[in-house]
Amino acid sequence: MKTIIHVNQHIIKANRKHGKADPVLTVKTYKSNDYGHEAIVYDREGREVARVIYRPHKPLSCGAHVWIETQNEVSVVRHPEEEDLDPDTDRWADEDAPKDQLDYAWNDPSAPFKSADY
């Protein structure tokens, strides 16, 4: 079954603003959405392989409040076609933009506005 672990940045921002620690992780499947402060990923034998952690009151030394930990080997994948994108061009959309504008900008590299325009 496909599972997506989503980090809700809007809840992170609200928690910071109001001094709260509401869960920011959503574990999504086709049949449920479960919310939490940690999500543990298991292999087929039931062994923990990774953990997604939200810890706002004890962040990492770099300041991160959400991170992934694992004892397993990790491969890094780079997408060279994305490295050439310039965040100041029309090809990038502001992540806080309304969804219709975000989709428009992402799907149409010749969109007539820059992310700062909306």
Protein backbone atom coordinates (compact mmCIF):
# COMPACT_ATOMS: atom_id res chain seq x y z
CA MET A 1 0.00 0.00 0.00
CA LYS A 2 1.34 3.41 -0.94
CA THR A 3 1.92 5.70 2.05
CA ILE A 4 2.84 9.38 1.96
CA ILE A 5 4.33 11.20 4.93
CA HIS A 6 3.44 14.87 4.60
CA VAL A 7 4.97 17.70 6.64
CA ASN A 8 2.45 20.51 7.07
CA GLN A 9 4.44 23.75 7.01
CA HIS A 10 1.35 25.81 7.85
CA ILE A 11 0.99 24.03 11.20
CA ILE A 12 4.74 24.51 11.85
CA LYS A 13 4.31 28.25 11.27
CA ALA A 14 1.18 28.40 13.45
CA ASN A 15 2.93 26.46 16.22
CA ARG A 16 5.83 28.91 16.16
CA LYS A 17 3.50 31.90 16.18
CA HIS A 18 1.36 30.63 19.07
CA GLY A 19 3.98 28.67 21.06
CA LYS A 20 2.22 25.37 20.43
CA ALA A 21 3.39 21.90 19.41
CA ASP A 22 0.45 20.49 17.44
CA PRO A 23 1.34 17.48 15.25
CA VAL A 24 2.68 18.50 11.84
CA LEU A 25 3.12 15.07 10.26
CA THR A 26 0.30 13.46 8.31
CA VAL A 27 0.66 9.82 7.30
CA LYS A 28 -1.65 9.37 4.33
CA THR A 29 -2.95 6.20 2.71
CA TYR A 30 -5.93 5.62 0.46
CA LYS A 31 -8.03 4.88 3.53
CA SER A 32 -6.78 7.18 6.31
CA ASN A 33 -4.93 10.29 7.44
CA ASP A 34 -3.12 9.92 10.75
CA TYR A 35 -1.42 12.84 12.52
CA GLY A 36 1.59 12.77 14.80
CA HIS A 37 4.90 14.17 15.98
CA GLU A 38 6.87 11.17 14.69
CA ALA A 39 6.35 8.68 11.88
CA ILE A 40 8.27 5.41 11.93
CA VAL A 41 9.00 3.57 8.68
CA TYR A 42 9.33 -0.23 8.88
CA ASP A 43 10.67 -2.81 6.44
CA ARG A 44 8.72 -5.94 5.45
CA GLU A 45 10.03 -7.82 8.50
CA GLY A 46 8.77 -5.12 10.86
CA ARG A 47 12.17 -3.57 11.63
CA GLU A 48 12.43 0.19 11.91
CA VAL A 49 14.31 1.62 8.94
CA ALA A 50 13.66 5.35 9.35
CA ARG A 51 11.91 7.86 11.54
CA VAL A 52 10.49 11.30 10.65
CA ILE A 53 10.69 13.53 13.72
CA TYR A 54 9.05 16.84 14.60
CA ARG A 55 10.60 18.30 17.73
CA PRO A 56 9.93 22.06 17.99
CA HIS A 57 11.19 22.46 21.57
CA LYS A 58 14.41 20.54 20.97
CA PRO A 59 15.52 21.23 17.37
CA LEU A 60 18.76 20.02 15.83
CA SER A 61 21.82 22.23 16.29
CA CYS A 62 21.26 23.58 12.75
CA GLY A 63 17.78 24.75 13.84
CA ALA A 64 15.74 22.10 12.00
CA HIS A 65 12.45 21.22 13.69
CA VAL A 66 11.62 18.32 11.33
CA TRP A 67 14.08 15.71 10.09
CA ILE A 68 14.47 12.08 9.06
CA GLU A 69 16.76 9.68 10.94
CA THR A 70 17.91 6.24 9.84
CA GLN A 71 20.68 3.79 10.58
CA ASN A 72 20.46 2.46 7.01
CA GLU A 73 22.48 3.43 3.99
CA VAL A 74 21.03 6.40 2.12
CA SER A 75 21.44 7.22 -1.59
CA VAL A 76 21.24 10.82 -2.73
CA VAL A 77 19.49 11.51 -6.04
CA ARG A 78 20.02 14.75 -7.92
CA HIS A 79 17.89 16.00 -10.77
CA PRO A 80 20.25 17.96 -13.05
CA GLU A 81 17.35 19.46 -15.01
CA GLU A 82 16.19 21.20 -11.82
CA GLU A 83 19.59 22.60 -10.87
CA ASP A 84 19.46 25.08 -13.74
CA LEU A 85 16.20 26.64 -12.57
CA ASP A 86 16.56 30.19 -11.35
CA PRO A 87 14.28 31.06 -8.42
CA ASP A 88 13.97 34.62 -9.80
CA THR A 89 12.46 33.49 -13.09
CA ASP A 90 8.87 32.74 -14.01
CA ARG A 91 9.58 29.02 -13.71
CA TRP A 92 9.33 29.09 -9.91
CA ALA A 93 6.17 29.71 -7.97
CA ASP A 94 5.80 30.98 -4.42
CA GLU A 95 4.84 28.06 -2.18
CA ASP A 96 2.37 30.28 -0.31
CA ALA A 97 0.54 31.27 -3.52
CA PRO A 98 -3.06 30.19 -4.05
CA LYS A 99 -3.14 26.72 -5.55
CA ASP A 100 -4.55 27.78 -8.95
CA GLN A 101 -1.70 30.26 -9.45
CA LEU A 102 0.83 27.77 -8.16
CA ASP A 103 -0.35 25.12 -10.64
CA TYR A 104 -0.44 27.67 -13.44
CA ALA A 105 3.12 28.84 -12.78
CA TRP A 106 4.50 25.36 -12.31
CA ASN A 107 2.86 23.89 -15.40
CA ASP A 108 3.56 26.86 -17.67
CA PRO A 109 7.20 28.04 -17.61
CA SER A 110 6.21 31.09 -19.67
CA ALA A 111 3.71 32.27 -17.04
CA PRO A 112 3.45 36.08 -17.26
CA PHE A 113 4.26 36.72 -13.61
CA LYS A 114 6.97 36.10 -11.09
CA SER A 115 6.37 34.55 -7.69
CA ALA A 116 6.55 38.00 -6.05
CA ASP A 117 3.66 39.23 -8.23
CA TYR A 118 0.97 37.39 -6.26
